[in-house]
Amino acid sequence: MAGHRRTRKPGTPTARRRHHENSRALLAEKLAATSDPVQRLAHGFDYARAAAARARRRDPGADVTVLEAALRALVGAGDQLIR
């Protein structure tokens, strides 16, 4: 119907929360399916990259400090592996 608002049952999670839960569950499945540390890192990176893209749509610039911290941790891990 024109002008009819969609409703959902009380207590049903919103689409945004379900999206996060589904993404997190998919990541957990991928991590459980492989024991290769480099592949697990790639899965984690893909998850973080997708989350950053969603965060930018919601609030540009909100993810800068979190991504900078992740970058420093990643570079630090690379330094430890090289030594």
C-alpha atoms as a PDB file:
ATOM      1  CA  MET A   1       0.000   0.000   0.000  1.00  0.00           C
ATOM      2  CA  ALA A   2       1.195   3.455  -0.741  1.00  0.00           C
ATOM      3  CA  GLY A   3       2.178   5.277   2.398  1.00  0.00           C
ATOM      4  CA  HIS A   4       2.059   2.146   4.544  1.00  0.00           C
ATOM      5  CA  ARG A   5       5.071   1.893   6.803  1.00  0.00           C
ATOM      6  CA  ARG A   6       6.696  -1.447   7.267  1.00  0.00           C
ATOM      7  CA  THR A   7       6.527  -2.841  10.743  1.00  0.00           C
ATOM      8  CA  ARG A   8       8.423  -5.572  12.462  1.00  0.00           C
ATOM      9  CA  LYS A   9       7.672  -7.706  15.456  1.00  0.00           C
ATOM     10  CA  PRO A  10       8.668  -6.276  18.833  1.00  0.00           C
ATOM     11  CA  GLY A  11      12.075  -7.524  19.909  1.00  0.00           C
ATOM     12  CA  THR A  12      13.234  -8.276  16.366  1.00  0.00           C
ATOM     13  CA  PRO A  13      16.742  -6.902  15.855  1.00  0.00           C
ATOM     14  CA  THR A  14      17.170  -4.049  13.418  1.00  0.00           C
ATOM     15  CA  ALA A  15      18.733  -4.686  10.033  1.00  0.00           C
ATOM     16  CA  ARG A  16      21.939  -2.900  11.037  1.00  0.00           C
ATOM     17  CA  ARG A  17      22.456  -5.083  14.105  1.00  0.00           C
ATOM     18  CA  ARG A  18      21.596  -8.239  12.168  1.00  0.00           C
ATOM     19  CA  HIS A  19      24.061  -7.219   9.452  1.00  0.00           C
ATOM     20  CA  HIS A  20      26.841  -6.981  12.031  1.00  0.00           C
ATOM     21  CA  GLU A  21      25.865 -10.290  13.615  1.00  0.00           C
ATOM     22  CA  ASN A  22      25.775 -12.010  10.214  1.00  0.00           C
ATOM     23  CA  SER A  23      29.135 -10.538   9.189  1.00  0.00           C
ATOM     24  CA  ARG A  24      30.685 -11.584  12.485  1.00  0.00           C
ATOM     25  CA  ALA A  25      29.268 -15.117  12.157  1.00  0.00           C
ATOM     26  CA  LEU A  26      30.645 -15.407   8.618  1.00  0.00           C
ATOM     27  CA  LEU A  27      34.067 -14.287   9.846  1.00  0.00           C
ATOM     28  CA  ALA A  28      33.959 -16.882  12.626  1.00  0.00           C
ATOM     29  CA  GLU A  29      33.142 -19.596  10.058  1.00  0.00           C
ATOM     30  CA  LYS A  30      36.015 -18.538   7.822  1.00  0.00           C
ATOM     31  CA  LEU A  31      38.460 -18.435  10.726  1.00  0.00           C
ATOM     32  CA  ALA A  32      37.348 -21.872  11.903  1.00  0.00           C
ATOM     33  CA  ALA A  33      37.754 -23.302   8.400  1.00  0.00           C
ATOM     34  CA  THR A  34      41.448 -22.454   8.046  1.00  0.00           C
ATOM     35  CA  SER A  35      44.501 -22.822  10.210  1.00  0.00           C
ATOM     36  CA  ASP A  36      46.821 -20.899   7.867  1.00  0.00           C
ATOM     37  CA  PRO A  37      47.798 -17.739   9.796  1.00  0.00           C
ATOM     38  CA  VAL A  38      48.215 -15.612   6.656  1.00  0.00           C
ATOM     39  CA  GLN A  39      44.780 -16.625   5.351  1.00  0.00           C
ATOM     40  CA  ARG A  40      43.234 -15.918   8.779  1.00  0.00           C
ATOM     41  CA  LEU A  41      44.864 -12.480   8.696  1.00  0.00           C
ATOM     42  CA  ALA A  42      43.376 -11.867   5.236  1.00  0.00           C
ATOM     43  CA  HIS A  43      39.904 -12.784   6.518  1.00  0.00           C
ATOM     44  CA  GLY A  44      40.310 -10.417   9.456  1.00  0.00           C
ATOM     45  CA  PHE A  45      41.498  -7.648   7.143  1.00  0.00           C
ATOM     46  CA  ASP A  46      38.506  -8.142   4.838  1.00  0.00           C
ATOM     47  CA  TYR A  47      36.154  -7.934   7.831  1.00  0.00           C
ATOM     48  CA  ALA A  48      37.805  -4.729   9.103  1.00  0.00           C
ATOM     49  CA  ARG A  49      37.815  -3.172   5.629  1.00  0.00           C
ATOM     50  CA  ALA A  50      34.086  -3.860   5.191  1.00  0.00           C
ATOM     51  CA  ALA A  51      33.362  -2.455   8.652  1.00  0.00           C
ATOM     52  CA  ALA A  52      35.337   0.690   7.845  1.00  0.00           C
ATOM     53  CA  ALA A  53      33.358   1.174   4.630  1.00  0.00           C
ATOM     54  CA  ARG A  54      30.075   0.914   6.558  1.00  0.00           C
ATOM     55  CA  ALA A  55      31.357   3.312   9.234  1.00  0.00           C
ATOM     56  CA  ARG A  56      32.335   5.924   6.626  1.00  0.00           C
ATOM     57  CA  ARG A  57      28.833   5.880   5.191  1.00  0.00           C
ATOM     58  CA  ARG A  58      27.430   6.531   8.655  1.00  0.00           C
ATOM     59  CA  ASP A  59      29.943   9.130   9.891  1.00  0.00           C
ATOM     60  CA  PRO A  60      32.895  10.169   7.718  1.00  0.00           C
ATOM     61  CA  GLY A  61      36.061  10.378   9.769  1.00  0.00           C
ATOM     62  CA  ALA A  62      34.741   8.427  12.757  1.00  0.00           C
ATOM     63  CA  ASP A  63      36.898   5.420  11.997  1.00  0.00           C
ATOM     64  CA  VAL A  64      40.239   7.249  11.685  1.00  0.00           C
ATOM     65  CA  THR A  65      41.541   6.619  15.212  1.00  0.00           C
ATOM     66  CA  VAL A  66      40.516   2.961  15.206  1.00  0.00           C
ATOM     67  CA  LEU A  67      42.116   2.339  11.820  1.00  0.00           C
ATOM     68  CA  GLU A  68      45.305   4.155  12.847  1.00  0.00           C
ATOM     69  CA  ALA A  69      45.567   1.927  15.935  1.00  0.00           C
ATOM     70  CA  ALA A  70      45.020  -1.161  13.776  1.00  0.00           C
ATOM     71  CA  LEU A  71      47.651   0.028  11.326  1.00  0.00           C
ATOM     72  CA  ARG A  72      50.220   0.556  14.094  1.00  0.00           C
ATOM     73  CA  ALA A  73      49.465  -2.939  15.448  1.00  0.00           C
ATOM     74  CA  LEU A  74      49.823  -4.465  11.995  1.00  0.00           C
ATOM     75  CA  VAL A  75      53.128  -2.708  11.331  1.00  0.00           C
ATOM     76  CA  GLY A  76      54.345  -3.761  14.778  1.00  0.00           C
ATOM     77  CA  ALA A  77      53.452  -7.374  14.002  1.00  0.00           C
ATOM     78  CA  GLY A  78      55.353  -7.151  10.715  1.00  0.00           C
ATOM     79  CA  ASP A  79      58.394  -5.763  12.526  1.00  0.00           C
ATOM     80  CA  GLN A  80      58.301  -8.675  14.996  1.00  0.00           C
ATOM     81  CA  LEU A  81      58.053 -11.210  12.175  1.00  0.00           C
ATOM     82  CA  ILE A  82      61.006  -9.714  10.325  1.00  0.00           C
ATOM     83  CA  ARG A  83      63.309  -9.710  13.364  1.00  0.00           C
END
